[in-house]
C-alpha cells in the first residue's frame, strides 16, 4: 500500500471552488472527494457515532480500495477517559463494521488535560480486535515522561503513536511504535493561514521517509480545513513525498490559484 494522504473530513462549505465544483450539491461531495483522494479521516464519529447503516452508506458511495480512518467517540476518550472501555469500543467496532473493507485505522485522540495513565490505555487497546489498527494522539506532556512504559504498551499492541504537527512544528515525540505510521497536521504558519510552507512540508516528508520504508503503510491527514488549506497542503505534501521517491496515493489536480505554493516558512 502506498503512503495514504488525505484530509480530516470532507464536508466543508468553503471547499467549493477548491475541491468541489461550485454548483455540485453537497450530497455528492463524498463521491467527488473519493474520486480525487484515496483516504479520509472521519472526525464526525468523534462527536456523534453514526449507525451501522450510515457507515454502510459510506462504503457503498466510495470506490474499492478507499480507506476511511475513524476518530473514536469522545464518550470513550473524553468522558470515560479510557476507563470501562469494553462497551464503547464494542459499540464503535460493531457500527464501523458497516464500512467493511473500507475501514482503516481508529484514532484515539486524548484530551489535552488527560495525564498519563498507561494501565488505562493498555486496557483500552486490549478491547480492540487484533485486526484493527489503533493510533493514539497524546496531548499532555506527562505521557512523554512515561516513555519506557508507554512505548512498551504501544509496541505490544502494534499501535502507532500519532505524530502531530501544530504551527509547522512537531508537538509529539517522533517515536516509531508500530510497523505503520499515522501523522496529523493541525495548522501551519504560512500565508494565508493555516497553510503550510514548502520547507515545513518537505521536512515532514523527510521525517516519514527516514522512519518507514516505502513498503510500510503510513496514513497522513491534514486537519487545517479552513479555506481549503487541508486540500491544498495535502496535494503539495503528496508531490513533495513523491519527489523524494515515495509511493503516494492519488490526490487532486488543483486549479489556479490553488496550485501555486505557499511561501517558505
Protein backbone atom coordinates (compact mmCIF):
# COMPACT_ATOMS: atom_id res chain seq x y z
CA UNK A 1 0.00 0.00 0.00
CA UNK A 2 1.35 3.47 -0.81
CA UNK A 3 1.54 6.36 1.62
CA UNK A 4 -2.11 7.36 2.02
CA UNK A 5 -2.64 11.12 2.03
CA UNK A 6 -5.98 12.80 2.69
CA UNK A 7 -7.86 15.26 4.88
CA UNK A 8 -9.72 15.17 8.18
CA UNK A 9 -13.30 15.24 6.93
CA UNK A 10 -14.82 16.26 3.61
CA UNK A 11 -17.96 18.31 4.40
CA UNK A 12 -16.66 21.87 4.41
CA UNK A 13 -18.61 24.51 2.53
CA UNK A 14 -15.55 26.68 1.93
CA UNK A 15 -14.04 23.88 -0.17
CA UNK A 16 -16.30 24.90 -3.04
CA UNK A 17 -14.06 26.07 -5.83
CA UNK A 18 -11.07 24.29 -4.30
CA UNK A 19 -12.08 20.61 -4.33
CA UNK A 20 -15.77 20.75 -5.25
CA UNK A 21 -17.35 22.44 -8.27
CA UNK A 22 -19.38 25.49 -7.24
CA UNK A 23 -22.69 24.01 -8.38
CA UNK A 24 -22.13 20.46 -7.15
CA UNK A 25 -24.74 19.51 -4.50
CA UNK A 26 -23.36 18.67 -1.08
CA UNK A 27 -24.96 15.21 -1.18
CA UNK A 28 -22.40 14.26 -3.86
CA UNK A 29 -19.33 15.56 -2.07
CA UNK A 30 -18.21 12.23 -0.66
CA UNK A 31 -18.26 10.68 -4.13
CA UNK A 32 -16.31 13.63 -5.51
CA UNK A 33 -13.83 13.50 -2.63
CA UNK A 34 -13.27 9.75 -3.09
CA UNK A 35 -12.73 10.25 -6.82
CA UNK A 36 -9.81 12.56 -6.09
CA UNK A 37 -8.41 11.19 -2.79
CA UNK A 38 -7.90 7.57 -1.71
CA UNK A 39 -8.48 8.11 2.02
CA UNK A 40 -10.24 10.31 4.54
CA UNK A 41 -10.15 10.65 8.30
CA UNK A 42 -13.72 10.91 9.58
CA UNK A 43 -13.92 13.30 12.54
CA UNK A 44 -17.73 13.30 12.78
CA UNK A 45 -17.54 9.97 14.57
CA UNK A 46 -15.92 11.78 17.50
CA UNK A 47 -18.97 13.98 18.11
CA UNK A 48 -21.75 11.56 17.22
CA UNK A 49 -21.30 7.88 16.46
CA UNK A 50 -23.15 7.03 13.23
CA UNK A 51 -25.36 3.99 12.81
CA UNK A 52 -24.16 0.86 11.05
CA UNK A 53 -26.34 1.90 8.12
CA UNK A 54 -24.58 5.25 7.77
CA UNK A 55 -21.19 3.56 7.85
CA UNK A 56 -22.54 1.15 5.23
CA UNK A 57 -23.65 4.02 3.01
CA UNK A 58 -20.12 5.43 3.07
CA UNK A 59 -18.87 2.07 1.88
CA UNK A 60 -21.37 1.96 -0.96
CA UNK A 61 -20.55 5.52 -2.06
CA UNK A 62 -16.78 5.06 -2.26
CA UNK A 63 -14.68 3.01 -4.68
CA UNK A 64 -12.87 -0.22 -3.96
CA UNK A 65 -9.63 0.40 -2.10
CA UNK A 66 -10.81 3.64 -0.49
CA UNK A 67 -9.77 3.86 3.19
CA UNK A 68 -11.76 5.54 5.97
CA UNK A 69 -9.92 6.21 9.23
CA UNK A 70 -12.31 6.94 12.09
CA UNK A 71 -11.85 9.06 15.18
CA UNK A 72 -13.12 7.26 18.27
CA UNK A 73 -16.09 8.75 20.11
CA UNK A 74 -15.41 11.43 22.70
CA UNK A 75 -17.53 9.32 25.06
CA UNK A 76 -14.62 6.87 25.22
CA UNK A 77 -11.72 9.33 25.17
CA UNK A 78 -13.05 12.48 26.86
CA UNK A 79 -15.94 11.42 29.11
CA UNK A 80 -14.85 7.93 30.15
CA UNK A 81 -11.14 8.82 29.75
CA UNK A 82 -10.46 5.27 28.55
CA UNK A 83 -11.95 3.70 31.70
CA UNK A 84 -14.53 0.90 31.37
CA UNK A 85 -13.70 0.72 27.66
CA UNK A 86 -15.36 -2.59 26.77
CA UNK A 87 -18.83 -1.30 25.87
CA UNK A 88 -17.83 1.88 23.96
CA UNK A 89 -15.13 0.05 21.99
CA UNK A 90 -17.53 -2.79 21.17
CA UNK A 91 -20.21 -0.32 20.06
CA UNK A 92 -17.73 1.59 17.91
CA UNK A 93 -16.45 -1.51 16.17
CA UNK A 94 -19.91 -3.03 15.79
CA UNK A 95 -21.14 0.04 13.94
CA UNK A 96 -17.95 0.67 11.99
CA UNK A 97 -18.23 -2.87 10.63
CA UNK A 98 -20.62 -1.31 8.14
CA UNK A 99 -17.56 0.07 6.36
CA UNK A 100 -16.41 -3.45 5.53
CA UNK A 101 -13.10 -3.39 3.69
CA UNK A 102 -13.09 0.43 3.65
CA UNK A 103 -12.29 0.52 7.39
CA UNK A 104 -8.85 1.92 8.14
CA UNK A 105 -7.22 2.80 11.46
CA UNK A 106 -9.07 4.03 14.54
CA UNK A 107 -7.70 7.23 16.09
CA UNK A 108 -7.83 7.76 19.85
CA UNK A 109 -7.25 11.47 20.44
CA UNK A 110 -6.87 12.02 24.17
CA UNK A 111 -7.87 15.25 25.96
CA UNK A 112 -5.14 17.87 26.45
CA UNK A 113 -5.67 17.76 30.23
CA UNK A 114 -5.60 13.95 30.49
CA UNK A 115 -2.45 13.00 32.37
CA UNK A 116 -0.61 9.76 31.69
CA UNK A 117 -2.49 6.62 32.71
CA UNK A 118 -0.70 3.84 30.88
CA UNK A 119 -2.65 0.98 32.55
CA UNK A 120 -5.93 2.54 31.36
CA UNK A 121 -4.54 2.86 27.84
CA UNK A 122 -3.36 -0.75 27.93
CA UNK A 123 -6.80 -1.98 28.99
CA UNK A 124 -8.49 0.09 26.29
CA UNK A 125 -6.22 -1.12 23.50
CA UNK A 126 -6.81 -4.67 24.65
CA UNK A 127 -10.51 -4.28 23.79
CA UNK A 128 -9.90 -3.70 20.08
CA UNK A 129 -9.86 -6.68 17.70
CA UNK A 130 -6.36 -7.74 16.70
CA UNK A 131 -7.06 -6.92 13.04
CA UNK A 132 -7.89 -3.26 13.82
CA UNK A 133 -5.11 -0.73 13.75
CA UNK A 134 -5.26 1.89 16.50
CA UNK A 135 -3.32 5.16 16.55
CA UNK A 136 -3.15 7.26 19.71
CA UNK A 137 -2.69 11.05 19.81
CA UNK A 138 -1.47 12.17 23.24
CA UNK A 139 -1.69 15.85 24.18
CA UNK A 140 -0.40 16.05 27.76
CA UNK A 141 3.36 16.15 28.38
CA UNK A 142 3.16 13.63 31.25
CA UNK A 143 2.80 10.84 28.67
CA UNK A 144 6.30 11.53 27.39
CA UNK A 145 7.66 11.24 30.92
CA UNK A 146 6.33 7.65 30.96
CA UNK A 147 8.25 6.86 27.77
CA UNK A 148 9.50 3.38 28.62
CA UNK A 149 6.17 2.09 29.90
CA UNK A 150 4.19 3.84 27.17
CA UNK A 151 6.31 2.60 24.30
CA UNK A 152 6.16 -0.94 25.65
CA UNK A 153 2.35 -0.89 25.67
CA UNK A 154 2.02 0.66 22.21
CA UNK A 155 4.53 -1.75 20.71
CA UNK A 156 2.87 -4.77 22.32
CA UNK A 157 -0.47 -3.84 20.78
CA UNK A 158 1.02 -2.83 17.44
CA UNK A 159 -0.46 0.64 17.95
CA UNK A 160 1.02 3.75 16.39
CA UNK A 161 1.98 6.84 18.31
CA UNK A 162 0.28 9.54 16.25
CA UNK A 163 2.83 12.07 15.07
CA UNK A 164 1.20 15.51 15.25
CA UNK A 165 2.16 18.93 13.93
CA UNK A 166 0.88 22.29 15.06
CA UNK A 167 2.20 25.58 13.66
CA UNK A 168 4.72 23.73 11.46
CA UNK A 169 6.43 22.03 14.40
CA UNK A 170 6.16 18.52 15.87
CA UNK A 171 4.17 18.56 19.11
CA UNK A 172 4.77 14.87 19.85
CA UNK A 173 7.93 12.79 20.09
CA UNK A 174 8.76 11.07 16.81
CA UNK A 175 8.76 7.55 18.21
CA UNK A 176 8.06 4.68 15.87
CA UNK A 177 5.99 2.18 17.87
CA UNK A 178 4.46 0.10 15.05
CA UNK A 179 5.25 -1.16 11.58
CA UNK A 180 2.86 1.50 10.24
CA UNK A 181 2.52 5.22 10.86
CA UNK A 182 -0.14 7.87 11.43
CA UNK A 183 0.52 11.62 11.01
CA UNK A 184 -1.82 14.60 11.58
CA UNK A 185 -1.33 18.22 10.52
CA UNK A 186 -3.34 20.73 12.57
CA UNK A 187 -2.19 24.02 11.02
CA UNK A 188 0.87 25.74 9.60
CA UNK A 189 2.29 29.25 9.77
CA UNK A 190 2.42 30.11 6.06
CA UNK A 191 0.18 32.65 4.33
CA UNK A 192 -2.73 32.51 4.07
CA UNK A 193 -3.24 30.74 7.42
CA UNK A 194 -3.49 27.92 8.32
CA UNK A 195 -1.40 26.85 5.30
CA UNK A 196 1.94 25.04 5.43
CA UNK A 197 5.04 26.33 3.64
CA UNK A 198 7.24 24.32 1.30
CA UNK A 199 10.02 23.76 3.82
CA UNK A 200 7.66 22.54 6.55
CA UNK A 201 6.08 20.01 4.21
CA UNK A 202 9.43 18.81 2.94
CA UNK A 203 10.77 18.42 6.49
CA UNK A 204 7.82 16.17 7.34
CA UNK A 205 8.19 14.13 4.17
CA UNK A 206 11.85 13.53 5.05
CA UNK A 207 10.98 12.55 8.64
CA UNK A 208 8.48 9.98 7.40
CA UNK A 209 10.85 8.62 4.75
CA UNK A 210 13.59 8.24 7.37
CA UNK A 211 11.28 6.37 9.76
CA UNK A 212 9.46 3.94 7.45
CA UNK A 213 10.37 2.13 4.24
CA UNK A 214 8.26 2.78 1.16
CA UNK A 215 6.56 -0.59 1.68
CA UNK A 216 5.14 0.47 5.08
CA UNK A 217 1.62 1.85 5.45
CA UNK A 218 1.68 5.48 6.57
CA UNK A 219 -1.57 7.44 6.91
CA UNK A 220 -1.25 11.23 6.59
CA UNK A 221 -4.16 13.59 7.26
CA UNK A 222 -4.44 17.37 7.09
CA UNK A 223 -6.80 18.85 9.69
CA UNK A 224 -6.30 22.52 8.73
CA UNK A 225 -9.59 22.65 6.85
CA UNK A 226 -10.18 26.43 6.86
CA UNK A 227 -10.42 27.90 3.39
CA UNK A 228 -9.45 24.62 1.74
CA UNK A 229 -5.94 24.73 3.22
CA UNK A 230 -6.10 21.00 4.03
CA UNK A 231 -6.79 20.09 0.41
CA UNK A 232 -4.04 22.32 -0.98
CA UNK A 233 -1.46 21.20 1.57
CA UNK A 234 -2.33 17.51 1.16
CA UNK A 235 -1.71 17.81 -2.59
CA UNK A 236 1.55 19.68 -2.14
CA UNK A 237 2.75 17.26 0.55
CA UNK A 238 1.99 14.31 -1.75
CA UNK A 239 4.01 15.90 -4.54
CA UNK A 240 6.89 16.55 -2.16
CA UNK A 241 6.89 12.96 -0.91
CA UNK A 242 6.74 11.65 -4.46
CA UNK A 243 9.78 13.75 -5.36
CA UNK A 244 11.62 12.00 -2.51
CA UNK A 245 10.87 8.63 -4.09
CA UNK A 246 7.83 7.67 -2.02
CA UNK A 247 4.82 5.89 -3.45
CA UNK A 248 1.82 8.10 -2.68
CA UNK A 249 -1.93 7.63 -3.15
CA UNK A 250 -3.91 9.73 -5.62
CA UNK A 251 -4.51 13.41 -4.92
CA UNK A 252 -6.36 16.07 -6.92
CA UNK A 253 -5.06 18.34 -9.64
CA UNK A 254 -5.79 21.78 -8.25
CA UNK A 255 -6.92 24.71 -10.38
CA UNK A 256 -5.11 28.06 -10.23
CA UNK A 257 -4.55 29.92 -7.95
CA UNK A 258 -4.61 26.96 -5.55
CA UNK A 259 -1.89 25.14 -7.48
CA UNK A 260 0.62 27.83 -6.51
CA UNK A 261 2.62 27.04 -3.40
CA UNK A 262 2.66 28.95 -0.15
CA UNK A 263 5.92 30.75 0.68
CA UNK A 264 8.61 29.07 2.74
CA UNK A 265 8.22 29.43 6.48
